[in-house]
């Protein structure tokens, strides 16, 4: 996994901590909601420090931070392939896609 680098050491440390946690999820090294249950690996505890605070529009917040200056850079292949928003459900993907499509100015 590769996540970008930030301007400050504190931000870089937070990214490294998040990266390690995501890898630990993949390696089943995180706390489960129902320990001992046969489906325990399906539900995990996400540490509060990795959750978004309540925003008026959390999708807008995620898109704006993942794709800064989207309209200006949307035609750049490098810009697009260096970023991604992951979602566990297709309904959320559709919602995010609709939001991004609404950002594109009409020709």
PDB file of N, CA and C in Angstrom:
ATOM      1  N   UNK A   1       0.837  -1.162   0.000  1.00  0.00           N
ATOM      2  CA  UNK A   1       0.000   0.000   0.000  1.00  0.00           C
ATOM      3  C   UNK A   1       0.889   1.235   0.000  1.00  0.00           C
ATOM      4  N   UNK A   2       0.445   2.257  -0.736  1.00  0.00           N
ATOM      5  CA  UNK A   2       1.193   3.505  -0.777  1.00  0.00           C
ATOM      6  C   UNK A   2       0.234   4.668  -0.579  1.00  0.00           C
ATOM      7  N   UNK A   3       0.465   5.440   0.477  1.00  0.00           N
ATOM      8  CA  UNK A   3      -0.304   6.652   0.694  1.00  0.00           C
ATOM      9  C   UNK A   3       0.642   7.834   0.558  1.00  0.00           C
ATOM     10  N   UNK A   4       0.125   8.942   0.099  1.00  0.00           N
ATOM     11  CA  UNK A   4       0.951  10.122  -0.146  1.00  0.00           C
ATOM     12  C   UNK A   4       1.604  10.677   1.103  1.00  0.00           C
ATOM     13  N   UNK A   5       2.575  11.529   0.898  1.00  0.00           N
ATOM     14  CA  UNK A   5       3.283  12.178   1.995  1.00  0.00           C
ATOM     15  C   UNK A   5       2.708  13.576   2.191  1.00  0.00           C
ATOM     16  N   UNK A   6       2.742  14.047   3.413  1.00  0.00           N
ATOM     17  CA  UNK A   6       2.216  15.363   3.737  1.00  0.00           C
ATOM     18  C   UNK A   6       3.351  16.322   4.044  1.00  0.00           C
ATOM     19  N   UNK A   7       2.957  17.547   4.357  1.00  0.00           N
ATOM     20  CA  UNK A   7       3.955  18.593   4.602  1.00  0.00           C
ATOM     21  C   UNK A   7       4.548  18.540   5.995  1.00  0.00           C
ATOM     22  N   UNK A   8       3.822  17.963   6.952  1.00  0.00           N
ATOM     23  CA  UNK A   8       4.331  17.961   8.322  1.00  0.00           C
ATOM     24  C   UNK A   8       4.614  16.541   8.804  1.00  0.00           C
ATOM     25  N   UNK A   9       5.524  16.427   9.753  1.00  0.00           N
ATOM     26  CA  UNK A   9       5.851  15.131  10.340  1.00  0.00           C
ATOM     27  C   UNK A   9       4.638  14.530  11.052  1.00  0.00           C
ATOM     28  N   UNK A  10       3.837  15.382  11.705  1.00  0.00           N
ATOM     29  CA  UNK A  10       2.644  14.907  12.402  1.00  0.00           C
ATOM     30  C   UNK A  10       1.660  14.269  11.422  1.00  0.00           C
ATOM     31  N   UNK A  11       1.425  14.909  10.281  1.00  0.00           N
ATOM     32  CA  UNK A  11       0.519  14.354   9.267  1.00  0.00           C
ATOM     33  C   UNK A  11       1.083  13.053   8.698  1.00  0.00           C
ATOM     34  N   UNK A  12       2.380  13.013   8.465  1.00  0.00           N
ATOM     35  CA  UNK A  12       3.010  11.792   7.954  1.00  0.00           C
ATOM     36  C   UNK A  12       2.891  10.646   8.947  1.00  0.00           C
ATOM     37  N   UNK A  13       3.030  10.949  10.235  1.00  0.00           N
ATOM     38  CA  UNK A  13       2.897   9.920  11.267  1.00  0.00           C
ATOM     39  C   UNK A  13       1.470   9.370  11.286  1.00  0.00           C
ATOM     40  N   UNK A  14       0.475  10.245  11.130  1.00  0.00           N
ATOM     41  CA  UNK A  14      -0.919   9.807  11.099  1.00  0.00           C
ATOM     42  C   UNK A  14      -1.173   8.910   9.888  1.00  0.00           C
ATOM     43  N   UNK A  15      -0.580   9.251   8.751  1.00  0.00           N
ATOM     44  CA  UNK A  15      -0.739   8.429   7.551  1.00  0.00           C
ATOM     45  C   UNK A  15      -0.098   7.059   7.762  1.00  0.00           C
ATOM     46  N   UNK A  16       1.083   7.032   8.351  1.00  0.00           N
ATOM     47  CA  UNK A  16       1.749   5.754   8.614  1.00  0.00           C
ATOM     48  C   UNK A  16       0.937   4.893   9.578  1.00  0.00           C
ATOM     49  N   UNK A  17       0.357   5.517  10.592  1.00  0.00           N
ATOM     50  CA  UNK A  17      -0.465   4.793  11.563  1.00  0.00           C
ATOM     51  C   UNK A  17      -1.709   4.217  10.872  1.00  0.00           C
ATOM     52  N   UNK A  18      -2.349   5.010  10.024  1.00  0.00           N
ATOM     53  CA  UNK A  18      -3.524   4.536   9.297  1.00  0.00           C
ATOM     54  C   UNK A  18      -3.143   3.403   8.346  1.00  0.00           C
ATOM     55  N   UNK A  19      -2.030   3.545   7.644  1.00  0.00           N
ATOM     56  CA  UNK A  19      -1.570   2.500   6.721  1.00  0.00           C
ATOM     57  C   UNK A  19      -1.358   1.185   7.449  1.00  0.00           C
ATOM     58  N   UNK A  20      -0.713   1.263   8.608  1.00  0.00           N
ATOM     59  CA  UNK A  20      -0.463   0.052   9.398  1.00  0.00           C
ATOM     60  C   UNK A  20      -1.779  -0.574   9.825  1.00  0.00           C
ATOM     61  N   UNK A  21      -2.737   0.252  10.254  1.00  0.00           N
ATOM     62  CA  UNK A  21      -4.027  -0.280  10.684  1.00  0.00           C
ATOM     63  C   UNK A  21      -4.749  -0.976   9.526  1.00  0.00           C
ATOM     64  N   UNK A  22      -4.735  -0.371   8.341  1.00  0.00           N
ATOM     65  CA  UNK A  22      -5.391  -0.987   7.175  1.00  0.00           C
ATOM     66  C   UNK A  22      -4.743  -2.330   6.851  1.00  0.00           C
ATOM     67  N   UNK A  23      -3.416  -2.387   6.893  1.00  0.00           N
ATOM     68  CA  UNK A  23      -2.726  -3.654   6.651  1.00  0.00           C
ATOM     69  C   UNK A  23      -3.078  -4.690   7.731  1.00  0.00           C
ATOM     70  N   UNK A  24      -3.196  -4.232   8.977  1.00  0.00           N
ATOM     71  CA  UNK A  24      -3.588  -5.132  10.065  1.00  0.00           C
ATOM     72  C   UNK A  24      -5.008  -5.665   9.855  1.00  0.00           C
ATOM     73  N   UNK A  25      -5.889  -4.841   9.313  1.00  0.00           N
ATOM     74  CA  UNK A  25      -7.240  -5.311   8.988  1.00  0.00           C
ATOM     75  C   UNK A  25      -7.135  -6.468   8.000  1.00  0.00           C
ATOM     76  N   UNK A  26      -6.345  -6.282   6.958  1.00  0.00           N
ATOM     77  CA  UNK A  26      -6.165  -7.331   5.956  1.00  0.00           C
ATOM     78  C   UNK A  26      -5.545  -8.596   6.507  1.00  0.00           C
ATOM     79  N   UNK A  27      -4.734  -8.452   7.547  1.00  0.00           N
ATOM     80  CA  UNK A  27      -4.077  -9.605   8.166  1.00  0.00           C
ATOM     81  C   UNK A  27      -4.853 -10.149   9.371  1.00  0.00           C
ATOM     82  N   UNK A  28      -6.085  -9.662   9.567  1.00  0.00           N
ATOM     83  CA  UNK A  28      -6.953 -10.081  10.689  1.00  0.00           C
ATOM     84  C   UNK A  28      -6.308  -9.856  12.048  1.00  0.00           C
ATOM     85  N   UNK A  29      -5.615  -8.741  12.193  1.00  0.00           N
ATOM     86  CA  UNK A  29      -4.937  -8.430  13.458  1.00  0.00           C
ATOM     87  C   UNK A  29      -5.638  -7.318  14.236  1.00  0.00           C
ATOM     88  N   UNK A  30      -6.910  -7.031  13.925  1.00  0.00           N
ATOM     89  CA  UNK A  30      -7.640  -5.967  14.613  1.00  0.00           C
ATOM     90  C   UNK A  30      -8.753  -6.563  15.466  1.00  0.00           C
ATOM     91  N   UNK A  31      -9.248  -5.758  16.408  1.00  0.00           N
ATOM     92  CA  UNK A  31     -10.330  -6.213  17.283  1.00  0.00           C
ATOM     93  C   UNK A  31     -11.606  -6.425  16.482  1.00  0.00           C
ATOM     94  N   UNK A  32     -12.318  -7.484  16.835  1.00  0.00           N
ATOM     95  CA  UNK A  32     -13.596  -7.796  16.210  1.00  0.00           C
ATOM     96  C   UNK A  32     -14.734  -7.344  17.116  1.00  0.00           C
ATOM     97  N   UNK A  33     -15.876  -7.047  16.521  1.00  0.00           N
ATOM     98  CA  UNK A  33     -17.045  -6.664  17.301  1.00  0.00           C
ATOM     99  C   UNK A  33     -17.594  -7.865  18.063  1.00  0.00           C
ATOM    100  N   UNK A  34     -17.538  -9.049  17.457  1.00  0.00           N
ATOM    101  CA  UNK A  34     -18.063 -10.267  18.072  1.00  0.00           C
ATOM    102  C   UNK A  34     -16.960 -11.323  18.162  1.00  0.00           C
ATOM    103  N   UNK A  35     -16.010 -11.173  19.099  1.00  0.00           N
ATOM    104  CA  UNK A  35     -14.930 -12.150  19.192  1.00  0.00           C
ATOM    105  C   UNK A  35     -15.477 -13.561  19.413  1.00  0.00           C
ATOM    106  N   UNK A  36     -14.874 -14.530  18.747  1.00  0.00           N
ATOM    107  CA  UNK A  36     -15.275 -15.914  18.896  1.00  0.00           C
ATOM    108  C   UNK A  36     -16.410 -16.341  17.986  1.00  0.00           C
ATOM    109  N   UNK A  37     -17.105 -15.392  17.388  1.00  0.00           N
ATOM    110  CA  UNK A  37     -18.193 -15.694  16.450  1.00  0.00           C
ATOM    111  C   UNK A  37     -17.569 -16.176  15.141  1.00  0.00           C
ATOM    112  N   UNK A  38     -18.233 -17.089  14.439  1.00  0.00           N
ATOM    113  CA  UNK A  38     -17.660 -17.589  13.179  1.00  0.00           C
ATOM    114  C   UNK A  38     -17.578 -16.496  12.119  1.00  0.00           C
ATOM    115  N   UNK A  39     -18.355 -15.441  12.294  1.00  0.00           N
ATOM    116  CA  UNK A  39     -18.316 -14.328  11.345  1.00  0.00           C
ATOM    117  C   UNK A  39     -17.552 -13.130  11.919  1.00  0.00           C
ATOM    118  N   UNK A  40     -16.749 -13.368  12.949  1.00  0.00           N
ATOM    119  CA  UNK A  40     -16.101 -12.257  13.654  1.00  0.00           C
ATOM    120  C   UNK A  40     -15.183 -11.432  12.772  1.00  0.00           C
ATOM    121  N   UNK A  41     -14.653 -12.020  11.706  1.00  0.00           N
ATOM    122  CA  UNK A  41     -13.757 -11.252  10.847  1.00  0.00           C
ATOM    123  C   UNK A  41     -14.524 -10.327   9.898  1.00  0.00           C
ATOM    124  N   UNK A  42     -15.859 -10.397   9.909  1.00  0.00           N
ATOM    125  CA  UNK A  42     -16.658  -9.560   9.024  1.00  0.00           C
ATOM    126  C   UNK A  42     -16.961  -8.189   9.616  1.00  0.00           C
ATOM    127  N   UNK A  43     -16.903  -8.071  10.935  1.00  0.00           N
ATOM    128  CA  UNK A  43     -17.185  -6.811  11.594  1.00  0.00           C
ATOM    129  C   UNK A  43     -16.017  -6.451  12.497  1.00  0.00           C
ATOM    130  N   UNK A  44     -15.428  -5.306  12.228  1.00  0.00           N
ATOM    131  CA  UNK A  44     -14.260  -4.888  12.995  1.00  0.00           C
ATOM    132  C   UNK A  44     -14.541  -3.582  13.710  1.00  0.00           C
ATOM    133  N   UNK A  45     -13.736  -3.288  14.691  1.00  0.00           N
ATOM    134  CA  UNK A  45     -13.823  -2.032  15.411  1.00  0.00           C
ATOM    135  C   UNK A  45     -12.914  -1.022  14.709  1.00  0.00           C
ATOM    136  N   UNK A  46     -13.489   0.085  14.265  1.00  0.00           N
ATOM    137  CA  UNK A  46     -12.696   1.143  13.632  1.00  0.00           C
ATOM    138  C   UNK A  46     -12.376   2.173  14.713  1.00  0.00           C
ATOM    139  N   UNK A  47     -11.099   2.407  14.978  1.00  0.00           N
ATOM    140  CA  UNK A  47     -10.734   3.387  16.003  1.00  0.00           C
ATOM    141  C   UNK A  47     -11.311   4.767  15.683  1.00  0.00           C
ATOM    142  N   UNK A  48     -11.789   5.447  16.710  1.00  0.00           N
ATOM    143  CA  UNK A  48     -12.409   6.765  16.523  1.00  0.00           C
ATOM    144  C   UNK A  48     -11.497   7.739  15.802  1.00  0.00           C
ATOM    145  N   UNK A  49     -10.198   7.612  15.976  1.00  0.00           N
ATOM    146  CA  UNK A  49      -9.273   8.560  15.345  1.00  0.00           C
ATOM    147  C   UNK A  49      -9.289   8.447  13.815  1.00  0.00           C
ATOM    148  N   UNK A  50      -9.835   7.345  13.274  1.00  0.00           N
ATOM    149  CA  UNK A  50      -9.902   7.169  11.825  1.00  0.00           C
ATOM    150  C   UNK A  50     -11.274   7.510  11.254  1.00  0.00           C
ATOM    151  N   UNK A  51     -12.210   7.853  12.107  1.00  0.00           N
ATOM    152  CA  UNK A  51     -13.549   8.180  11.644  1.00  0.00           C
ATOM    153  C   UNK A  51     -13.660   9.671  11.336  1.00  0.00           C
ATOM    154  N   UNK A  52     -14.483  10.004  10.359  1.00  0.00           N
ATOM    155  CA  UNK A  52     -14.741  11.404  10.062  1.00  0.00           C
ATOM    156  C   UNK A  52     -15.652  11.976  11.123  1.00  0.00           C
ATOM    157  N   UNK A  53     -15.418  13.232  11.448  1.00  0.00           N
ATOM    158  CA  UNK A  53     -16.338  13.922  12.326  1.00  0.00           C
ATOM    159  C   UNK A  53     -17.621  14.159  11.551  1.00  0.00           C
ATOM    160  N   UNK A  54     -18.651  14.562  12.232  1.00  0.00           N
ATOM    161  CA  UNK A  54     -19.916  14.827  11.542  1.00  0.00           C
ATOM    162  C   UNK A  54     -19.782  16.117  10.733  1.00  0.00           C
ATOM    163  N   UNK A  55     -19.984  15.983   9.452  1.00  0.00           N
ATOM    164  CA  UNK A  55     -19.957  17.116   8.548  1.00  0.00           C
ATOM    165  C   UNK A  55     -21.337  17.263   7.948  1.00  0.00           C
ATOM    166  N   UNK A  56     -21.638  18.467   7.475  1.00  0.00           N
ATOM    167  CA  UNK A  56     -22.905  18.677   6.796  1.00  0.00           C
ATOM    168  C   UNK A  56     -22.993  17.760   5.590  1.00  0.00           C
ATOM    169  N   UNK A  57     -21.879  17.619   4.857  1.00  0.00           N
ATOM    170  CA  UNK A  57     -21.853  16.756   3.680  1.00  0.00           C
ATOM    171  C   UNK A  57     -20.517  16.018   3.673  1.00  0.00           C
ATOM    172  N   UNK A  58     -20.496  14.820   4.248  1.00  0.00           N
ATOM    173  CA  UNK A  58     -19.237  14.087   4.366  1.00  0.00           C
ATOM    174  C   UNK A  58     -18.703  13.639   3.008  1.00  0.00           C
ATOM    175  N   UNK A  59     -19.575  13.351   2.034  1.00  0.00           N
ATOM    176  CA  UNK A  59     -19.106  12.971   0.694  1.00  0.00           C
ATOM    177  C   UNK A  59     -18.374  14.143   0.063  1.00  0.00           C
ATOM    178  N   UNK A  60     -18.918  15.337   0.189  1.00  0.00           N
ATOM    179  CA  UNK A  60     -18.236  16.530  -0.338  1.00  0.00           C
ATOM    180  C   UNK A  60     -16.867  16.693   0.329  1.00  0.00           C
ATOM    181  N   UNK A  61     -16.799  16.496   1.627  1.00  0.00           N
ATOM    182  CA  UNK A  61     -15.538  16.605   2.357  1.00  0.00           C
ATOM    183  C   UNK A  61     -14.513  15.600   1.836  1.00  0.00           C
ATOM    184  N   UNK A  62     -14.944  14.348   1.663  1.00  0.00           N
ATOM    185  CA  UNK A  62     -14.034  13.301   1.186  1.00  0.00           C
ATOM    186  C   UNK A  62     -13.566  13.599  -0.235  1.00  0.00           C
ATOM    187  N   UNK A  63     -14.491  13.959  -1.124  1.00  0.00           N
ATOM    188  CA  UNK A  63     -14.134  14.255  -2.517  1.00  0.00           C
ATOM    189  C   UNK A  63     -13.212  15.469  -2.584  1.00  0.00           C
ATOM    190  N   UNK A  64     -13.548  16.525  -1.865  1.00  0.00           N
ATOM    191  CA  UNK A  64     -12.713  17.737  -1.890  1.00  0.00           C
ATOM    192  C   UNK A  64     -11.299  17.475  -1.399  1.00  0.00           C
ATOM    193  N   UNK A  65     -11.151  16.569  -0.429  1.00  0.00           N
ATOM    194  CA  UNK A  65      -9.817  16.282   0.103  1.00  0.00           C
ATOM    195  C   UNK A  65      -9.064  15.239  -0.714  1.00  0.00           C
ATOM    196  N   UNK A  66      -9.783  14.363  -1.383  1.00  0.00           N
ATOM    197  CA  UNK A  66      -9.146  13.352  -2.223  1.00  0.00           C
ATOM    198  C   UNK A  66      -8.802  13.926  -3.586  1.00  0.00           C
ATOM    199  N   UNK A  67      -9.675  14.787  -4.085  1.00  0.00           N
ATOM    200  CA  UNK A  67      -9.506  15.395  -5.414  1.00  0.00           C
ATOM    201  C   UNK A  67      -9.511  16.918  -5.309  1.00  0.00           C
ATOM    202  N   UNK A  68      -8.471  17.506  -4.689  1.00  0.00           N
ATOM    203  CA  UNK A  68      -8.442  18.972  -4.602  1.00  0.00           C
ATOM    204  C   UNK A  68      -8.354  19.581  -6.004  1.00  0.00           C
ATOM    205  N   UNK A  69      -9.044  20.697  -6.199  1.00  0.00           N
ATOM    206  CA  UNK A  69      -9.068  21.385  -7.500  1.00  0.00           C
ATOM    207  C   UNK A  69      -9.488  20.428  -8.612  1.00  0.00           C
ATOM    208  N   UNK A  70     -10.537  19.655  -8.361  1.00  0.00           N
ATOM    209  CA  UNK A  70     -10.976  18.631  -9.304  1.00  0.00           C
ATOM    210  C   UNK A  70     -11.226  19.178 -10.704  1.00  0.00           C
ATOM    211  N   UNK A  71     -12.003  20.241 -10.797  1.00  0.00           N
ATOM    212  CA  UNK A  71     -12.377  20.762 -12.119  1.00  0.00           C
ATOM    213  C   UNK A  71     -11.146  21.185 -12.905  1.00  0.00           C
ATOM    214  N   UNK A  72     -10.207  21.790 -12.233  1.00  0.00           N
ATOM    215  CA  UNK A  72      -8.980  22.236 -12.898  1.00  0.00           C
ATOM    216  C   UNK A  72      -8.118  21.057 -13.363  1.00  0.00           C
ATOM    217  N   UNK A  73      -8.148  19.955 -12.629  1.00  0.00           N
ATOM    218  CA  UNK A  73      -7.255  18.818 -12.902  1.00  0.00           C
ATOM    219  C   UNK A  73      -7.933  17.589 -13.483  1.00  0.00           C
ATOM    220  N   UNK A  74      -9.226  17.644 -13.722  1.00  0.00           N
ATOM    221  CA  UNK A  74      -9.969  16.436 -14.070  1.00  0.00           C
ATOM    222  C   UNK A  74      -9.539  15.777 -15.376  1.00  0.00           C
ATOM    223  N   UNK A  75      -8.882  16.485 -16.248  1.00  0.00           N
ATOM    224  CA  UNK A  75      -8.445  15.900 -17.516  1.00  0.00           C
ATOM    225  C   UNK A  75      -7.041  15.296 -17.440  1.00  0.00           C
ATOM    226  N   UNK A  76      -6.408  15.419 -16.305  1.00  0.00           N
ATOM    227  CA  UNK A  76      -5.060  14.891 -16.125  1.00  0.00           C
ATOM    228  C   UNK A  76      -5.124  13.422 -15.708  1.00  0.00           C
ATOM    229  N   UNK A  77      -4.546  12.540 -16.514  1.00  0.00           N
ATOM    230  CA  UNK A  77      -4.527  11.114 -16.190  1.00  0.00           C
ATOM    231  C   UNK A  77      -3.725  10.848 -14.922  1.00  0.00           C
ATOM    232  N   UNK A  78      -2.617  11.548 -14.760  1.00  0.00           N
ATOM    233  CA  UNK A  78      -1.788  11.369 -13.566  1.00  0.00           C
ATOM    234  C   UNK A  78      -2.565  11.749 -12.317  1.00  0.00           C
ATOM    235  N   UNK A  79      -3.246  12.877 -12.366  1.00  0.00           N
ATOM    236  CA  UNK A  79      -4.047  13.354 -11.232  1.00  0.00           C
ATOM    237  C   UNK A  79      -5.079  12.296 -10.832  1.00  0.00           C
ATOM    238  N   UNK A  80      -5.762  11.750 -11.814  1.00  0.00           N
ATOM    239  CA  UNK A  80      -6.831  10.784 -11.531  1.00  0.00           C
ATOM    240  C   UNK A  80      -6.301   9.455 -11.028  1.00  0.00           C
ATOM    241  N   UNK A  81      -5.228   8.955 -11.626  1.00  0.00           N
ATOM    242  CA  UNK A  81      -4.764   7.617 -11.239  1.00  0.00           C
ATOM    243  C   UNK A  81      -4.000   7.599  -9.915  1.00  0.00           C
ATOM    244  N   UNK A  82      -3.664   8.758  -9.379  1.00  0.00           N
ATOM    245  CA  UNK A  82      -2.974   8.816  -8.098  1.00  0.00           C
ATOM    246  C   UNK A  82      -3.940   8.888  -6.913  1.00  0.00           C
ATOM    247  N   UNK A  83      -5.255   8.855  -7.176  1.00  0.00           N
ATOM    248  CA  UNK A  83      -6.247   9.033  -6.131  1.00  0.00           C
ATOM    249  C   UNK A  83      -7.341   7.984  -6.234  1.00  0.00           C
ATOM    250  N   UNK A  84      -7.945   7.668  -5.094  1.00  0.00           N
ATOM    251  CA  UNK A  84      -9.074   6.741  -5.088  1.00  0.00           C
ATOM    252  C   UNK A  84      -9.897   6.933  -3.820  1.00  0.00           C
ATOM    253  N   UNK A  85     -11.179   6.712  -3.954  1.00  0.00           N
ATOM    254  CA  UNK A  85     -12.078   6.673  -2.811  1.00  0.00           C
ATOM    255  C   UNK A  85     -12.647   5.259  -2.782  1.00  0.00           C
ATOM    256  N   UNK A  86     -12.440   4.565  -1.679  1.00  0.00           N
ATOM    257  CA  UNK A  86     -12.920   3.194  -1.545  1.00  0.00           C
ATOM    258  C   UNK A  86     -14.229   3.181  -0.776  1.00  0.00           C
ATOM    259  N   UNK A  87     -15.099   2.268  -1.142  1.00  0.00           N
ATOM    260  CA  UNK A  87     -16.398   2.164  -0.485  1.00  0.00           C
ATOM    261  C   UNK A  87     -16.801   0.705  -0.368  1.00  0.00           C
ATOM    262  N   UNK A  88     -17.471   0.347   0.730  1.00  0.00           N
ATOM    263  CA  UNK A  88     -17.899  -1.036   0.896  1.00  0.00           C
ATOM    264  C   UNK A  88     -19.203  -1.380   0.177  1.00  0.00           C
ATOM    265  N   UNK A  89     -19.891  -0.370  -0.370  1.00  0.00           N
ATOM    266  CA  UNK A  89     -21.196  -0.637  -0.980  1.00  0.00           C
ATOM    267  C   UNK A  89     -21.365   0.131  -2.286  1.00  0.00           C
ATOM    268  N   UNK A  90     -21.971  -0.531  -3.274  1.00  0.00           N
ATOM    269  CA  UNK A  90     -22.195   0.107  -4.576  1.00  0.00           C
ATOM    270  C   UNK A  90     -23.094   1.326  -4.478  1.00  0.00           C
ATOM    271  N   UNK A  91     -24.032   1.331  -3.560  1.00  0.00           N
ATOM    272  CA  UNK A  91     -24.915   2.492  -3.400  1.00  0.00           C
ATOM    273  C   UNK A  91     -24.116   3.733  -3.014  1.00  0.00           C
ATOM    274  N   UNK A  92     -23.092   3.551  -2.195  1.00  0.00           N
ATOM    275  CA  UNK A  92     -22.244   4.680  -1.808  1.00  0.00           C
ATOM    276  C   UNK A  92     -21.387   5.108  -2.988  1.00  0.00           C
ATOM    277  N   UNK A  93     -20.889   4.145  -3.753  1.00  0.00           N
ATOM    278  CA  UNK A  93     -20.116   4.458  -4.963  1.00  0.00           C
ATOM    279  C   UNK A  93     -20.968   5.294  -5.914  1.00  0.00           C
ATOM    280  N   UNK A  94     -22.208   4.893  -6.110  1.00  0.00           N
ATOM    281  CA  UNK A  94     -23.112   5.655  -6.982  1.00  0.00           C
ATOM    282  C   UNK A  94     -23.310   7.073  -6.474  1.00  0.00           C
ATOM    283  N   UNK A  95     -23.464   7.224  -5.174  1.00  0.00           N
ATOM    284  CA  UNK A  95     -23.659   8.549  -4.578  1.00  0.00           C
ATOM    285  C   UNK A  95     -22.422   9.424  -4.792  1.00  0.00           C
ATOM    286  N   UNK A  96     -21.237   8.850  -4.545  1.00  0.00           N
ATOM    287  CA  UNK A  96     -19.984   9.599  -4.744  1.00  0.00           C
ATOM    288  C   UNK A  96     -19.827   9.967  -6.221  1.00  0.00           C
ATOM    289  N   UNK A  97     -20.075   9.015  -7.112  1.00  0.00           N
ATOM    290  CA  UNK A  97     -19.964   9.294  -8.549  1.00  0.00           C
ATOM    291  C   UNK A  97     -20.913  10.405  -8.981  1.00  0.00           C
ATOM    292  N   UNK A  98     -22.134  10.376  -8.489  1.00  0.00           N
ATOM    293  CA  UNK A  98     -23.099  11.428  -8.820  1.00  0.00           C
ATOM    294  C   UNK A  98     -22.600  12.780  -8.334  1.00  0.00           C
ATOM    295  N   UNK A  99     -22.056  12.807  -7.135  1.00  0.00           N
ATOM    296  CA  UNK A  99     -21.509  14.065  -6.600  1.00  0.00           C
ATOM    297  C   UNK A  99     -20.388  14.595  -7.492  1.00  0.00           C
ATOM    298  N   UNK A 100     -19.471  13.717  -7.885  1.00  0.00           N
ATOM    299  CA  UNK A 100     -18.342  14.142  -8.725  1.00  0.00           C
ATOM    300  C   UNK A 100     -18.838  14.599 -10.094  1.00  0.00           C
ATOM    301  N   UNK A 101     -19.767  13.885 -10.680  1.00  0.00           N
ATOM    302  CA  UNK A 101     -20.303  14.290 -11.997  1.00  0.00           C
ATOM    303  C   UNK A 101     -20.962  15.665 -11.934  1.00  0.00           C
ATOM    304  N   UNK A 102     -21.570  15.981 -10.812  1.00  0.00           N
ATOM    305  CA  UNK A 102     -22.189  17.305 -10.656  1.00  0.00           C
ATOM    306  C   UNK A 102     -21.154  18.429 -10.554  1.00  0.00           C
ATOM    307  N   UNK A 103     -19.912  18.079 -10.271  1.00  0.00           N
ATOM    308  CA  UNK A 103     -18.846  19.090 -10.210  1.00  0.00           C
ATOM    309  C   UNK A 103     -18.371  19.513 -11.603  1.00  0.00           C
ATOM    310  N   UNK A 104     -18.592  18.665 -12.582  1.00  0.00           N
ATOM    311  CA  UNK A 104     -18.092  18.940 -13.934  1.00  0.00           C
ATOM    312  C   UNK A 104     -18.975  20.010 -14.580  1.00  0.00           C
ATOM    313  N   UNK A 105     -18.337  21.108 -15.009  1.00  0.00           N
ATOM    314  CA  UNK A 105     -19.142  22.182 -15.621  1.00  0.00           C
ATOM    315  C   UNK A 105     -19.725  21.728 -16.953  1.00  0.00           C
ATOM    316  N   UNK A 106     -20.885  22.273 -17.273  1.00  0.00           N
ATOM    317  CA  UNK A 106     -21.527  21.951 -18.544  1.00  0.00           C
ATOM    318  C   UNK A 106     -20.725  22.557 -19.690  1.00  0.00           C
ATOM    319  N   UNK A 107     -20.677  21.859 -20.803  1.00  0.00           N
ATOM    320  CA  UNK A 107     -19.907  22.352 -21.958  1.00  0.00           C
ATOM    321  C   UNK A 107     -20.672  23.428 -22.702  1.00  0.00           C
TER     322      UNK A 107
END
